[in-house]
């Protein structure tokens, strides 16, 4: 894991509204995780703006800290890993394959998640790049149910290769996690496929989504959905000006133009 200068750590902590934690504790990890989800959006806008996705430390940090942007799993968890490592946590990058609606799994390096060890030696599954998922880290060494504001989660030993784990949310398998540590360049092919293939769901339409204190706000192409206290409202946006205003007002993202779907499908 690369060392970060103090100025980068300060800027990252400011971005998520956090102070320097006193130690690499599990409690501090929970706080950082939730703050990240509420301040840095999950978004696929680069794919639809013709921007290159670069999985290198400086590029990831520049996008989040200088550009005021978010990203998808490779970028969000990749950047968060840098911050956590700089704060004294032991961090490993793990690859996962996401379960489709029919039960099949996605391509290799379909998803990037993190194994983070707190100062007491306990391992945690940290994932700020999977959209509507757990609000807090999940205990990797726990096989029972783990209640969370995002649902009831369980990490189960998977059928198949030894050491693989299935991550379930409300009884439904979300992704299969390999426990062998990886490095960021390993995920380049997966990121390229998801950002270019007509088969990838990410190329269908731009999506920007962020957890809020009362629920979640999502802009999917030109439809703004706001969920607050269990009440969901959906509103089509009339023109480009409204779309750009929604990115700015709800997600803090100031775009020069509206993203255009790369591979639109009906």
C-alpha atoms as a PDB file:
ATOM      1  CA  UNK A   1       0.000   0.000   0.000  1.00  0.00           C
ATOM      2  CA  UNK A   2       1.397   3.398  -1.000  1.00  0.00           C
ATOM      3  CA  UNK A   3       2.260   6.038   1.592  1.00  0.00           C
ATOM      4  CA  UNK A   4       0.192   9.207   1.438  1.00  0.00           C
ATOM      5  CA  UNK A   5       1.513  12.644   2.336  1.00  0.00           C
ATOM      6  CA  UNK A   6      -0.239  14.310   5.261  1.00  0.00           C
ATOM      7  CA  UNK A   7      -1.764  16.883   2.893  1.00  0.00           C
ATOM      8  CA  UNK A   8      -3.559  14.130   0.962  1.00  0.00           C
ATOM      9  CA  UNK A   9      -4.806  12.510   4.168  1.00  0.00           C
ATOM     10  CA  UNK A  10      -6.067  15.891   5.413  1.00  0.00           C
ATOM     11  CA  UNK A  11      -7.842  16.558   2.120  1.00  0.00           C
ATOM     12  CA  UNK A  12      -9.460  13.108   2.106  1.00  0.00           C
ATOM     13  CA  UNK A  13     -10.678  13.447   5.695  1.00  0.00           C
ATOM     14  CA  UNK A  14     -12.098  16.905   4.885  1.00  0.00           C
ATOM     15  CA  UNK A  15     -13.900  15.446   1.869  1.00  0.00           C
ATOM     16  CA  UNK A  16     -15.733  12.932   4.053  1.00  0.00           C
ATOM     17  CA  UNK A  17     -16.176  15.290   6.999  1.00  0.00           C
ATOM     18  CA  UNK A  18     -13.974  13.315   9.390  1.00  0.00           C
ATOM     19  CA  UNK A  19     -11.207  14.192  11.796  1.00  0.00           C
ATOM     20  CA  UNK A  20      -8.014  12.226  12.275  1.00  0.00           C
ATOM     21  CA  UNK A  21      -8.925   9.071  14.209  1.00  0.00           C
ATOM     22  CA  UNK A  22      -7.041   8.532  17.440  1.00  0.00           C
ATOM     23  CA  UNK A  23      -6.185   4.978  16.438  1.00  0.00           C
ATOM     24  CA  UNK A  24      -6.909   2.293  13.842  1.00  0.00           C
ATOM     25  CA  UNK A  25      -9.877   1.059  15.847  1.00  0.00           C
ATOM     26  CA  UNK A  26     -12.991  -0.758  14.707  1.00  0.00           C
ATOM     27  CA  UNK A  27     -15.109   2.154  15.975  1.00  0.00           C
ATOM     28  CA  UNK A  28     -13.158   4.664  13.880  1.00  0.00           C
ATOM     29  CA  UNK A  29     -13.461   2.361  10.856  1.00  0.00           C
ATOM     30  CA  UNK A  30     -17.258   2.285  11.254  1.00  0.00           C
ATOM     31  CA  UNK A  31     -17.358   6.077  11.386  1.00  0.00           C
ATOM     32  CA  UNK A  32     -15.132   6.518   8.320  1.00  0.00           C
ATOM     33  CA  UNK A  33     -17.133   3.936   6.363  1.00  0.00           C
ATOM     34  CA  UNK A  34     -20.481   5.638   6.990  1.00  0.00           C
ATOM     35  CA  UNK A  35     -19.099   9.116   6.319  1.00  0.00           C
ATOM     36  CA  UNK A  36     -17.619   7.919   3.016  1.00  0.00           C
ATOM     37  CA  UNK A  37     -20.965   6.523   1.879  1.00  0.00           C
ATOM     38  CA  UNK A  38     -22.749   9.788   2.735  1.00  0.00           C
ATOM     39  CA  UNK A  39     -20.274  12.118   1.025  1.00  0.00           C
ATOM     40  CA  UNK A  40     -18.700  10.329  -1.954  1.00  0.00           C
ATOM     41  CA  UNK A  41     -21.227   9.114  -4.525  1.00  0.00           C
ATOM     42  CA  UNK A  42     -21.204   5.810  -6.344  1.00  0.00           C
ATOM     43  CA  UNK A  43     -21.208   6.992  -9.967  1.00  0.00           C
ATOM     44  CA  UNK A  44     -20.454   5.777 -13.476  1.00  0.00           C
ATOM     45  CA  UNK A  45     -20.319   9.205 -15.126  1.00  0.00           C
ATOM     46  CA  UNK A  46     -16.799   8.898 -16.551  1.00  0.00           C
ATOM     47  CA  UNK A  47     -17.972   6.049 -18.784  1.00  0.00           C
ATOM     48  CA  UNK A  48     -20.579   8.329 -20.383  1.00  0.00           C
ATOM     49  CA  UNK A  49     -18.402  11.448 -20.515  1.00  0.00           C
ATOM     50  CA  UNK A  50     -15.587   9.767 -22.446  1.00  0.00           C
ATOM     51  CA  UNK A  51     -13.183  10.065 -19.497  1.00  0.00           C
ATOM     52  CA  UNK A  52     -10.461   7.474 -18.985  1.00  0.00           C
ATOM     53  CA  UNK A  53     -10.669   5.425 -15.800  1.00  0.00           C
ATOM     54  CA  UNK A  54      -7.161   5.116 -14.394  1.00  0.00           C
ATOM     55  CA  UNK A  55      -6.516   2.697 -11.541  1.00  0.00           C
ATOM     56  CA  UNK A  56      -3.475   4.402 -10.093  1.00  0.00           C
ATOM     57  CA  UNK A  57      -3.182   6.049  -6.689  1.00  0.00           C
ATOM     58  CA  UNK A  58      -2.687   9.645  -7.848  1.00  0.00           C
ATOM     59  CA  UNK A  59      -5.466   9.434 -10.429  1.00  0.00           C
ATOM     60  CA  UNK A  60      -7.940   7.980  -7.924  1.00  0.00           C
ATOM     61  CA  UNK A  61      -7.166  10.625  -5.317  1.00  0.00           C
ATOM     62  CA  UNK A  62      -7.216  13.466  -7.847  1.00  0.00           C
ATOM     63  CA  UNK A  63     -10.677  12.425  -9.005  1.00  0.00           C
ATOM     64  CA  UNK A  64     -12.121  12.333  -5.491  1.00  0.00           C
ATOM     65  CA  UNK A  65     -10.196  15.157  -3.852  1.00  0.00           C
ATOM     66  CA  UNK A  66      -9.511  17.645  -6.654  1.00  0.00           C
ATOM     67  CA  UNK A  67     -12.340  16.824  -9.033  1.00  0.00           C
ATOM     68  CA  UNK A  68     -14.987  16.441  -6.326  1.00  0.00           C
ATOM     69  CA  UNK A  69     -16.206  13.267  -7.962  1.00  0.00           C
ATOM     70  CA  UNK A  70     -17.054   9.720  -6.910  1.00  0.00           C
ATOM     71  CA  UNK A  71     -16.611   6.567  -8.954  1.00  0.00           C
ATOM     72  CA  UNK A  72     -17.473   2.899  -9.118  1.00  0.00           C
ATOM     73  CA  UNK A  73     -16.086   0.068  -6.999  1.00  0.00           C
ATOM     74  CA  UNK A  74     -12.526   0.020  -8.335  1.00  0.00           C
ATOM     75  CA  UNK A  75     -12.151   3.749  -7.740  1.00  0.00           C
ATOM     76  CA  UNK A  76     -14.054   4.133  -4.461  1.00  0.00           C
ATOM     77  CA  UNK A  77     -12.629   1.117  -2.670  1.00  0.00           C
ATOM     78  CA  UNK A  78      -9.241   1.660  -4.300  1.00  0.00           C
ATOM     79  CA  UNK A  79      -9.048   5.196  -2.930  1.00  0.00           C
ATOM     80  CA  UNK A  80     -10.482   4.258   0.474  1.00  0.00           C
ATOM     81  CA  UNK A  81      -7.824   1.554   0.786  1.00  0.00           C
ATOM     82  CA  UNK A  82      -5.151   4.223   0.407  1.00  0.00           C
ATOM     83  CA  UNK A  83      -6.671   6.341   3.145  1.00  0.00           C
ATOM     84  CA  UNK A  84      -7.150   3.443   5.554  1.00  0.00           C
ATOM     85  CA  UNK A  85      -3.621   2.187   4.996  1.00  0.00           C
ATOM     86  CA  UNK A  86      -2.266   5.656   5.727  1.00  0.00           C
ATOM     87  CA  UNK A  87      -4.280   5.744   8.956  1.00  0.00           C
ATOM     88  CA  UNK A  88      -2.677   2.574  10.248  1.00  0.00           C
ATOM     89  CA  UNK A  89      -5.104  -0.141   9.170  1.00  0.00           C
ATOM     90  CA  UNK A  90      -3.839  -3.278   7.474  1.00  0.00           C
ATOM     91  CA  UNK A  91      -5.644  -3.372   4.119  1.00  0.00           C
ATOM     92  CA  UNK A  92      -5.889  -6.026   1.410  1.00  0.00           C
ATOM     93  CA  UNK A  93      -7.686  -5.744  -1.931  1.00  0.00           C
ATOM     94  CA  UNK A  94     -10.021  -8.649  -2.681  1.00  0.00           C
ATOM     95  CA  UNK A  95     -11.700  -9.583  -5.932  1.00  0.00           C
ATOM     96  CA  UNK A  96     -15.321 -10.661  -6.142  1.00  0.00           C
ATOM     97  CA  UNK A  97     -17.839 -11.757  -8.758  1.00  0.00           C
ATOM     98  CA  UNK A  98     -21.308 -10.268  -8.493  1.00  0.00           C
ATOM     99  CA  UNK A  99     -24.346 -12.532  -8.629  1.00  0.00           C
ATOM    100  CA  UNK A 100     -26.803 -11.808 -11.445  1.00  0.00           C
ATOM    101  CA  UNK A 101     -30.571 -12.028 -11.001  1.00  0.00           C
ATOM    102  CA  UNK A 102     -30.574 -15.541 -12.463  1.00  0.00           C
ATOM    103  CA  UNK A 103     -27.911 -16.785 -10.062  1.00  0.00           C
ATOM    104  CA  UNK A 104     -24.874 -16.658 -12.364  1.00  0.00           C
ATOM    105  CA  UNK A 105     -21.710 -14.746 -11.554  1.00  0.00           C
ATOM    106  CA  UNK A 106     -20.081 -11.865 -13.373  1.00  0.00           C
ATOM    107  CA  UNK A 107     -16.691 -11.722 -15.031  1.00  0.00           C
ATOM    108  CA  UNK A 108     -13.455 -12.221 -13.063  1.00  0.00           C
ATOM    109  CA  UNK A 109     -12.458  -9.055 -11.205  1.00  0.00           C
ATOM    110  CA  UNK A 110     -16.076  -7.999 -11.423  1.00  0.00           C
ATOM    111  CA  UNK A 111     -15.863  -6.146  -8.122  1.00  0.00           C
ATOM    112  CA  UNK A 112     -13.207  -4.836  -5.748  1.00  0.00           C
ATOM    113  CA  UNK A 113     -13.781  -5.049  -1.984  1.00  0.00           C
ATOM    114  CA  UNK A 114     -11.465  -4.649   1.000  1.00  0.00           C
ATOM    115  CA  UNK A 115     -10.282  -6.775   3.895  1.00  0.00           C
ATOM    116  CA  UNK A 116      -9.349  -4.356   6.653  1.00  0.00           C
ATOM    117  CA  UNK A 117      -7.773  -5.367   9.940  1.00  0.00           C
ATOM    118  CA  UNK A 118      -8.323  -3.062  12.900  1.00  0.00           C
ATOM    119  CA  UNK A 119      -5.792  -2.595  15.685  1.00  0.00           C
ATOM    120  CA  UNK A 120      -7.295  -5.457  17.713  1.00  0.00           C
ATOM    121  CA  UNK A 121      -6.534  -7.855  14.843  1.00  0.00           C
ATOM    122  CA  UNK A 122     -10.148  -8.410  13.806  1.00  0.00           C
ATOM    123  CA  UNK A 123     -10.774  -8.583  10.022  1.00  0.00           C
ATOM    124  CA  UNK A 124     -13.573  -6.542   8.447  1.00  0.00           C
ATOM    125  CA  UNK A 125     -15.199  -6.546   5.029  1.00  0.00           C
ATOM    126  CA  UNK A 126     -15.165  -2.908   3.946  1.00  0.00           C
ATOM    127  CA  UNK A 127     -17.098  -1.925   0.835  1.00  0.00           C
ATOM    128  CA  UNK A 128     -17.974   1.684  -0.035  1.00  0.00           C
ATOM    129  CA  UNK A 129     -18.313   0.845  -3.730  1.00  0.00           C
ATOM    130  CA  UNK A 130     -21.317  -1.456  -4.078  1.00  0.00           C
ATOM    131  CA  UNK A 131     -24.171   1.049  -4.058  1.00  0.00           C
ATOM    132  CA  UNK A 132     -27.054   0.076  -1.790  1.00  0.00           C
ATOM    133  CA  UNK A 133     -25.184  -2.221   0.586  1.00  0.00           C
ATOM    134  CA  UNK A 134     -24.116  -2.296   4.238  1.00  0.00           C
ATOM    135  CA  UNK A 135     -23.711   1.063   5.953  1.00  0.00           C
ATOM    136  CA  UNK A 136     -20.995  -0.291   8.229  1.00  0.00           C
ATOM    137  CA  UNK A 137     -18.131  -2.773   7.807  1.00  0.00           C
ATOM    138  CA  UNK A 138     -19.063  -6.443   8.197  1.00  0.00           C
ATOM    139  CA  UNK A 139     -17.107  -8.805  10.441  1.00  0.00           C
ATOM    140  CA  UNK A 140     -15.310 -11.190   8.083  1.00  0.00           C
ATOM    141  CA  UNK A 141     -14.871 -13.814  10.790  1.00  0.00           C
ATOM    142  CA  UNK A 142     -18.585 -13.897  11.699  1.00  0.00           C
ATOM    143  CA  UNK A 143     -20.854 -16.516  10.049  1.00  0.00           C
ATOM    144  CA  UNK A 144     -24.095 -15.533  11.728  1.00  0.00           C
ATOM    145  CA  UNK A 145     -26.487 -12.738  10.780  1.00  0.00           C
ATOM    146  CA  UNK A 146     -25.173  -9.182  10.994  1.00  0.00           C
ATOM    147  CA  UNK A 147     -27.980  -6.596  11.278  1.00  0.00           C
ATOM    148  CA  UNK A 148     -27.189  -3.285   9.595  1.00  0.00           C
ATOM    149  CA  UNK A 149     -29.279  -0.248   8.572  1.00  0.00           C
ATOM    150  CA  UNK A 150     -28.874  -1.528   4.987  1.00  0.00           C
ATOM    151  CA  UNK A 151     -30.392  -4.942   5.793  1.00  0.00           C
ATOM    152  CA  UNK A 152     -29.440  -8.200   7.452  1.00  0.00           C
ATOM    153  CA  UNK A 153     -26.107  -9.456   6.137  1.00  0.00           C
ATOM    154  CA  UNK A 154     -24.370 -12.801   6.382  1.00  0.00           C
ATOM    155  CA  UNK A 155     -20.975 -13.975   5.217  1.00  0.00           C
ATOM    156  CA  UNK A 156     -21.077 -17.682   4.397  1.00  0.00           C
ATOM    157  CA  UNK A 157     -18.472 -20.204   3.297  1.00  0.00           C
ATOM    158  CA  UNK A 158     -19.102 -20.765  -0.409  1.00  0.00           C
ATOM    159  CA  UNK A 159     -19.361 -24.032  -2.287  1.00  0.00           C
ATOM    160  CA  UNK A 160     -16.365 -24.338  -4.570  1.00  0.00           C
ATOM    161  CA  UNK A 161     -12.761 -23.169  -4.192  1.00  0.00           C
ATOM    162  CA  UNK A 162     -11.520 -23.344  -0.629  1.00  0.00           C
ATOM    163  CA  UNK A 163     -11.627 -19.999   1.130  1.00  0.00           C
ATOM    164  CA  UNK A 164     -14.266 -18.324  -1.053  1.00  0.00           C
ATOM    165  CA  UNK A 165     -17.069 -16.525   0.751  1.00  0.00           C
ATOM    166  CA  UNK A 166     -20.582 -15.532  -0.280  1.00  0.00           C
ATOM    167  CA  UNK A 167     -21.871 -12.170   0.935  1.00  0.00           C
ATOM    168  CA  UNK A 168     -25.646 -12.192   1.421  1.00  0.00           C
ATOM    169  CA  UNK A 169     -28.035  -9.304   2.007  1.00  0.00           C
ATOM    170  CA  UNK A 170     -31.511 -10.133   3.335  1.00  0.00           C
ATOM    171  CA  UNK A 171     -30.963 -13.750   2.297  1.00  0.00           C
ATOM    172  CA  UNK A 172     -29.931 -12.985  -1.302  1.00  0.00           C
ATOM    173  CA  UNK A 173     -26.355 -13.625  -2.457  1.00  0.00           C
ATOM    174  CA  UNK A 174     -24.748 -10.366  -3.595  1.00  0.00           C
ATOM    175  CA  UNK A 175     -21.237 -11.449  -4.542  1.00  0.00           C
ATOM    176  CA  UNK A 176     -18.692 -14.235  -4.148  1.00  0.00           C
ATOM    177  CA  UNK A 177     -15.514 -13.021  -2.514  1.00  0.00           C
ATOM    178  CA  UNK A 178     -12.063 -14.520  -2.956  1.00  0.00           C
ATOM    179  CA  UNK A 179      -9.846 -14.204   0.116  1.00  0.00           C
ATOM    180  CA  UNK A 180      -6.514 -14.170  -1.740  1.00  0.00           C
ATOM    181  CA  UNK A 181      -5.013 -10.640  -1.644  1.00  0.00           C
ATOM    182  CA  UNK A 182      -4.701  -8.781  -4.943  1.00  0.00           C
ATOM    183  CA  UNK A 183      -3.053  -5.569  -6.146  1.00  0.00           C
ATOM    184  CA  UNK A 184      -4.778  -2.668  -7.888  1.00  0.00           C
ATOM    185  CA  UNK A 185      -3.391  -3.393 -11.411  1.00  0.00           C
ATOM    186  CA  UNK A 186      -5.101  -6.812 -11.242  1.00  0.00           C
ATOM    187  CA  UNK A 187      -8.443  -5.012 -11.612  1.00  0.00           C
ATOM    188  CA  UNK A 188      -7.593  -3.064 -14.781  1.00  0.00           C
ATOM    189  CA  UNK A 189      -9.155  -5.640 -17.107  1.00  0.00           C
ATOM    190  CA  UNK A 190     -12.388  -5.793 -15.098  1.00  0.00           C
ATOM    191  CA  UNK A 191     -12.644  -1.999 -15.018  1.00  0.00           C
ATOM    192  CA  UNK A 192     -11.987  -1.806 -18.763  1.00  0.00           C
ATOM    193  CA  UNK A 193     -14.662  -4.428 -19.513  1.00  0.00           C
ATOM    194  CA  UNK A 194     -17.265  -2.743 -17.325  1.00  0.00           C
ATOM    195  CA  UNK A 195     -16.550   0.664 -18.841  1.00  0.00           C
ATOM    196  CA  UNK A 196     -16.566  -0.409 -22.509  1.00  0.00           C
ATOM    197  CA  UNK A 197     -18.595  -3.588 -23.117  1.00  0.00           C
ATOM    198  CA  UNK A 198     -22.132  -3.304 -24.491  1.00  0.00           C
ATOM    199  CA  UNK A 199     -22.975  -6.251 -22.219  1.00  0.00           C
ATOM    200  CA  UNK A 200     -21.950  -4.415 -19.063  1.00  0.00           C
ATOM    201  CA  UNK A 201     -24.754  -2.777 -17.108  1.00  0.00           C
ATOM    202  CA  UNK A 202     -22.493   0.190 -16.442  1.00  0.00           C
ATOM    203  CA  UNK A 203     -22.444   1.241 -20.118  1.00  0.00           C
ATOM    204  CA  UNK A 204     -26.239   1.274 -20.410  1.00  0.00           C
ATOM    205  CA  UNK A 205     -26.844   4.639 -18.744  1.00  0.00           C
ATOM    206  CA  UNK A 206     -25.142   7.019 -16.333  1.00  0.00           C
ATOM    207  CA  UNK A 207     -25.935   6.429 -12.668  1.00  0.00           C
ATOM    208  CA  UNK A 208     -25.086   8.510  -9.626  1.00  0.00           C
ATOM    209  CA  UNK A 209     -26.241   7.410  -6.171  1.00  0.00           C
ATOM    210  CA  UNK A 210     -25.455   8.351  -2.590  1.00  0.00           C
ATOM    211  CA  UNK A 211     -26.586   7.329   0.857  1.00  0.00           C
ATOM    212  CA  UNK A 212     -28.232  10.145   2.809  1.00  0.00           C
ATOM    213  CA  UNK A 213     -29.061  10.482   6.476  1.00  0.00           C
ATOM    214  CA  UNK A 214     -32.703   9.700   5.754  1.00  0.00           C
ATOM    215  CA  UNK A 215     -32.375   7.285   2.854  1.00  0.00           C
ATOM    216  CA  UNK A 216     -30.791   7.449  -0.614  1.00  0.00           C
ATOM    217  CA  UNK A 217     -30.723   9.756  -3.631  1.00  0.00           C
ATOM    218  CA  UNK A 218     -30.141   8.365  -7.142  1.00  0.00           C
ATOM    219  CA  UNK A 219     -29.964   9.995 -10.562  1.00  0.00           C
ATOM    220  CA  UNK A 220     -30.313   7.314 -13.227  1.00  0.00           C
ATOM    221  CA  UNK A 221     -29.846   8.954 -16.635  1.00  0.00           C
ATOM    222  CA  UNK A 222     -32.571  11.637 -16.403  1.00  0.00           C
ATOM    223  CA  UNK A 223     -34.712  10.242 -13.571  1.00  0.00           C
ATOM    224  CA  UNK A 224     -34.135  11.515 -10.041  1.00  0.00           C
ATOM    225  CA  UNK A 225     -35.232   9.187  -7.238  1.00  0.00           C
ATOM    226  CA  UNK A 226     -35.209  10.345  -3.622  1.00  0.00           C
ATOM    227  CA  UNK A 227     -36.000   7.995  -0.747  1.00  0.00           C
ATOM    228  CA  UNK A 228     -36.508   9.591   2.671  1.00  0.00           C
ATOM    229  CA  UNK A 229     -37.812   7.796   5.763  1.00  0.00           C
ATOM    230  CA  UNK A 230     -39.084   4.973   3.575  1.00  0.00           C
ATOM    231  CA  UNK A 231     -40.981   7.272   1.207  1.00  0.00           C
ATOM    232  CA  UNK A 232     -39.817   7.114  -2.414  1.00  0.00           C
ATOM    233  CA  UNK A 233     -40.377   9.869  -4.980  1.00  0.00           C
ATOM    234  CA  UNK A 234     -39.361   9.598  -8.631  1.00  0.00           C
ATOM    235  CA  UNK A 235     -39.163  12.568 -10.984  1.00  0.00           C
ATOM    236  CA  UNK A 236     -38.103  12.729 -14.661  1.00  0.00           C
ATOM    237  CA  UNK A 237     -35.932  15.779 -15.305  1.00  0.00           C
ATOM    238  CA  UNK A 238     -37.111  18.019 -18.113  1.00  0.00           C
ATOM    239  CA  UNK A 239     -33.895  19.215 -19.752  1.00  0.00           C
ATOM    240  CA  UNK A 240     -30.104  19.348 -19.573  1.00  0.00           C
ATOM    241  CA  UNK A 241     -30.166  22.279 -17.183  1.00  0.00           C
ATOM    242  CA  UNK A 242     -32.219  20.299 -14.658  1.00  0.00           C
ATOM    243  CA  UNK A 243     -29.925  17.285 -14.980  1.00  0.00           C
ATOM    244  CA  UNK A 244     -26.793  19.352 -14.387  1.00  0.00           C
ATOM    245  CA  UNK A 245     -28.469  21.110 -11.447  1.00  0.00           C
ATOM    246  CA  UNK A 246     -29.390  17.743  -9.906  1.00  0.00           C
ATOM    247  CA  UNK A 247     -25.782  16.521 -10.107  1.00  0.00           C
ATOM    248  CA  UNK A 248     -24.626  19.742  -8.488  1.00  0.00           C
ATOM    249  CA  UNK A 249     -27.287  20.101  -5.797  1.00  0.00           C
ATOM    250  CA  UNK A 250     -27.644  16.469  -4.712  1.00  0.00           C
ATOM    251  CA  UNK A 251     -24.126  15.119  -5.234  1.00  0.00           C
ATOM    252  CA  UNK A 252     -21.843  18.162  -5.293  1.00  0.00           C
ATOM    253  CA  UNK A 253     -20.700  17.290  -8.828  1.00  0.00           C
ATOM    254  CA  UNK A 254     -20.291  20.204 -11.259  1.00  0.00           C
ATOM    255  CA  UNK A 255     -20.268  18.844 -14.823  1.00  0.00           C
ATOM    256  CA  UNK A 256     -19.559  20.772 -18.036  1.00  0.00           C
ATOM    257  CA  UNK A 257     -22.152  18.726 -19.949  1.00  0.00           C
ATOM    258  CA  UNK A 258     -24.729  16.008 -19.482  1.00  0.00           C
ATOM    259  CA  UNK A 259     -23.386  12.437 -19.738  1.00  0.00           C
ATOM    260  CA  UNK A 260     -24.699  10.587 -22.794  1.00  0.00           C
ATOM    261  CA  UNK A 261     -25.344   6.827 -22.486  1.00  0.00           C
ATOM    262  CA  UNK A 262     -22.473   4.926 -24.118  1.00  0.00           C
ATOM    263  CA  UNK A 263     -24.452   1.823 -25.101  1.00  0.00           C
ATOM    264  CA  UNK A 264     -28.125   2.691 -24.512  1.00  0.00           C
ATOM    265  CA  UNK A 265     -30.638  -0.137 -24.442  1.00  0.00           C
ATOM    266  CA  UNK A 266     -34.440  -0.014 -24.370  1.00  0.00           C
END
